[in-house]
Amino acid sequence: MEPFPFTDAEWAAVGDAALPVVNATLADDAVLRASHCVGLLDVLARLRARYGDHPILLETEADFAEDEAERHALYHQAVRIAVTHQLPTLTIRLSLAQLLLDLGRRDAALDELLACESEVCEGDESERAKWADLVAQSRSRPARAAGQTR
């Protein structure tokens, strides 16, 4: 499995399909977002038919899934396939760690981040900063509420 087997045109189609989803999300229009998601999922399905369950496609689908359980499953599947084929997992694990933190699962998030620590130096500046920020968040503990005792 190649790290990025898609042509420029194929990946541009993903971007073209994703942009209206992002715009609808920013406009807080759930109906329009759902409508545009159908187009994005169709583009991803065509690429999956050609390239199989490639981690990048699974990650992209997870990035746009609304259901947390579905996102979690897709990210895990993407990580598993990437590891099996010795492909990078950094961006997948960053997204998965953020999801886990959002779900209050700090220890699981930290496990994902530590699993990709060796890849951080290969990431760009924003990925390195995101990794460091997520590690800090996963290691921090919420402040105790007033009146709470040990």
Protein backbone atom coordinates (compact mmCIF):
# COMPACT_ATOMS: atom_id res chain seq x y z
CA MET A 1 0.00 0.00 0.00
CA GLU A 2 1.36 3.39 -1.01
CA PRO A 3 1.29 6.27 1.49
CA PHE A 4 -0.60 8.53 -0.95
CA PRO A 5 -1.72 6.73 -4.12
CA PHE A 6 -4.25 9.34 -5.24
CA THR A 7 -3.81 11.53 -8.29
CA ASP A 8 -3.97 15.30 -7.94
CA ALA A 9 -7.36 15.25 -9.67
CA GLU A 10 -8.73 12.57 -7.34
CA TRP A 11 -7.61 14.43 -4.24
CA ALA A 12 -8.89 17.74 -5.64
CA ALA A 13 -12.31 16.08 -5.97
CA VAL A 14 -12.17 15.25 -2.25
CA GLY A 15 -11.33 18.86 -1.45
CA ASP A 16 -14.07 20.13 -3.75
CA ALA A 17 -16.61 17.86 -2.04
CA ALA A 18 -15.37 18.69 1.47
CA LEU A 19 -15.45 22.48 1.13
CA PRO A 20 -19.25 22.82 1.02
CA VAL A 21 -19.49 20.55 4.07
CA VAL A 22 -17.07 22.79 5.96
CA ASN A 23 -18.91 25.92 4.85
CA ALA A 24 -22.28 24.50 5.92
CA THR A 25 -20.77 23.52 9.26
CA LEU A 26 -19.42 27.03 9.78
CA ALA A 27 -22.83 28.43 8.84
CA ASP A 28 -24.38 26.09 11.43
CA ASP A 29 -26.72 24.68 8.77
CA ALA A 30 -27.22 21.02 9.64
CA VAL A 31 -29.54 20.28 6.72
CA LEU A 32 -27.16 21.73 4.14
CA ARG A 33 -24.22 19.98 5.82
CA ALA A 34 -25.98 16.62 5.65
CA SER A 35 -26.81 17.21 2.00
CA HIS A 36 -23.21 18.02 1.11
CA CYS A 37 -21.91 15.11 3.20
CA VAL A 38 -23.68 12.76 0.80
CA GLY A 39 -21.54 14.11 -2.04
CA LEU A 40 -18.34 13.83 -0.02
CA LEU A 41 -19.13 10.27 1.03
CA ASP A 42 -19.80 9.41 -2.60
CA VAL A 43 -16.39 10.74 -3.66
CA LEU A 44 -14.71 8.80 -0.84
CA ALA A 45 -16.66 5.63 -1.73
CA ARG A 46 -15.45 5.82 -5.34
CA LEU A 47 -11.87 6.15 -4.16
CA ARG A 48 -12.33 3.27 -1.72
CA ALA A 49 -13.65 1.16 -4.60
CA ARG A 50 -10.43 1.88 -6.47
CA TYR A 51 -7.88 1.90 -3.61
CA GLY A 52 -9.55 -0.14 -0.89
CA ASP A 53 -9.74 0.90 2.74
CA HIS A 54 -6.79 3.28 2.59
CA PRO A 55 -6.05 4.99 5.92
CA ILE A 56 -6.28 8.47 4.40
CA LEU A 57 -9.76 7.77 3.09
CA LEU A 58 -10.91 6.32 6.40
CA GLU A 59 -9.40 9.27 8.28
CA THR A 60 -11.11 11.75 5.98
CA GLU A 61 -14.45 10.00 6.41
CA ALA A 62 -13.97 10.04 10.18
CA ASP A 63 -13.11 13.74 10.12
CA PHE A 64 -16.56 14.48 8.71
CA ALA A 65 -18.64 11.88 10.57
CA GLU A 66 -20.97 13.37 13.16
CA ASP A 67 -21.45 10.24 15.26
CA GLU A 68 -18.65 9.93 17.82
CA ALA A 69 -18.76 6.14 17.85
CA GLU A 70 -18.47 6.04 14.06
CA ARG A 71 -15.58 8.52 14.12
CA HIS A 72 -13.83 6.45 16.77
CA ALA A 73 -14.26 3.22 14.79
CA LEU A 74 -13.05 4.79 11.53
CA TYR A 75 -9.97 6.33 13.16
CA HIS A 76 -9.13 3.01 14.81
CA GLN A 77 -9.53 1.16 11.52
CA ALA A 78 -7.31 3.73 9.80
CA VAL A 79 -4.62 3.37 12.49
CA ARG A 80 -4.74 -0.43 12.31
CA ILE A 81 -4.36 -0.47 8.51
CA ALA A 82 -1.62 2.18 8.57
CA VAL A 83 0.36 0.25 11.18
CA THR A 84 -0.09 -3.00 9.25
CA HIS A 85 1.32 -1.36 6.11
CA GLN A 86 3.94 0.70 7.94
CA LEU A 87 2.35 3.99 6.92
CA PRO A 88 2.34 7.19 8.98
CA THR A 89 -0.28 7.47 11.70
CA LEU A 90 0.44 10.97 13.04
CA THR A 91 -2.53 12.86 11.60
CA ILE A 92 -4.91 9.99 12.30
CA ARG A 93 -3.78 9.71 15.91
CA LEU A 94 -3.93 13.49 16.41
CA SER A 95 -7.57 13.46 15.36
CA LEU A 96 -8.29 10.34 17.41
CA ALA A 97 -6.59 11.85 20.48
CA GLN A 98 -8.68 15.02 20.13
CA LEU A 99 -11.84 12.92 19.94
CA LEU A 100 -10.79 10.92 23.00
CA LEU A 101 -10.07 14.12 24.93
CA ASP A 102 -13.47 15.48 23.93
CA LEU A 103 -14.96 12.28 25.37
CA GLY A 104 -13.00 12.74 28.60
CA ARG A 105 -10.71 9.78 27.94
CA ARG A 106 -7.37 11.41 28.75
CA ASP A 107 -5.40 8.20 29.30
CA ALA A 108 -6.52 6.71 25.97
CA ALA A 109 -5.68 9.99 24.23
CA LEU A 110 -2.20 9.98 25.75
CA ASP A 111 -1.68 6.37 24.63
CA GLU A 112 -2.46 7.38 21.03
CA LEU A 113 -0.15 10.38 21.21
CA LEU A 114 2.73 8.40 22.65
CA ALA A 115 2.23 5.74 19.96
CA CYS A 116 3.02 8.33 17.26
CA GLU A 117 5.72 10.24 19.14
CA SER A 118 8.43 8.94 16.78
CA GLU A 119 6.54 10.48 13.83
CA VAL A 120 6.21 13.97 15.30
CA CYS A 121 9.57 15.17 13.97
CA GLU A 122 8.37 14.33 10.44
CA GLY A 123 5.20 16.39 10.85
CA ASP A 124 4.87 20.04 9.94
CA GLU A 125 5.00 22.83 12.50
CA SER A 126 1.25 22.85 13.11
CA GLU A 127 1.20 19.06 13.64
CA ARG A 128 4.09 19.28 16.10
CA ALA A 129 2.33 22.08 17.98
CA LYS A 130 -0.97 20.16 17.97
CA TRP A 131 0.77 17.03 19.29
CA ALA A 132 2.42 18.98 22.12
CA ASP A 133 -0.85 20.72 23.00
CA LEU A 134 -2.79 17.44 23.05
CA VAL A 135 -0.11 15.76 25.20
CA ALA A 136 -0.35 18.65 27.68
CA GLN A 137 -4.15 18.39 27.72
CA SER A 138 -4.06 14.64 28.18
CA ARG A 139 -1.64 14.93 31.09
CA SER A 140 -3.53 17.72 32.84
CA ARG A 141 -6.20 16.91 35.34
CA PRO A 142 -9.31 19.01 35.81
CA ALA A 143 -9.23 21.38 38.75
CA ARG A 144 -11.20 20.23 41.74
CA ALA A 145 -14.53 21.89 42.31
CA ALA A 146 -14.77 24.18 45.30
CA GLY A 147 -15.47 22.25 48.45
CA GLN A 148 -14.26 18.96 47.00
CA THR A 149 -11.85 17.00 49.15
CA ARG A 150 -9.34 14.38 48.24
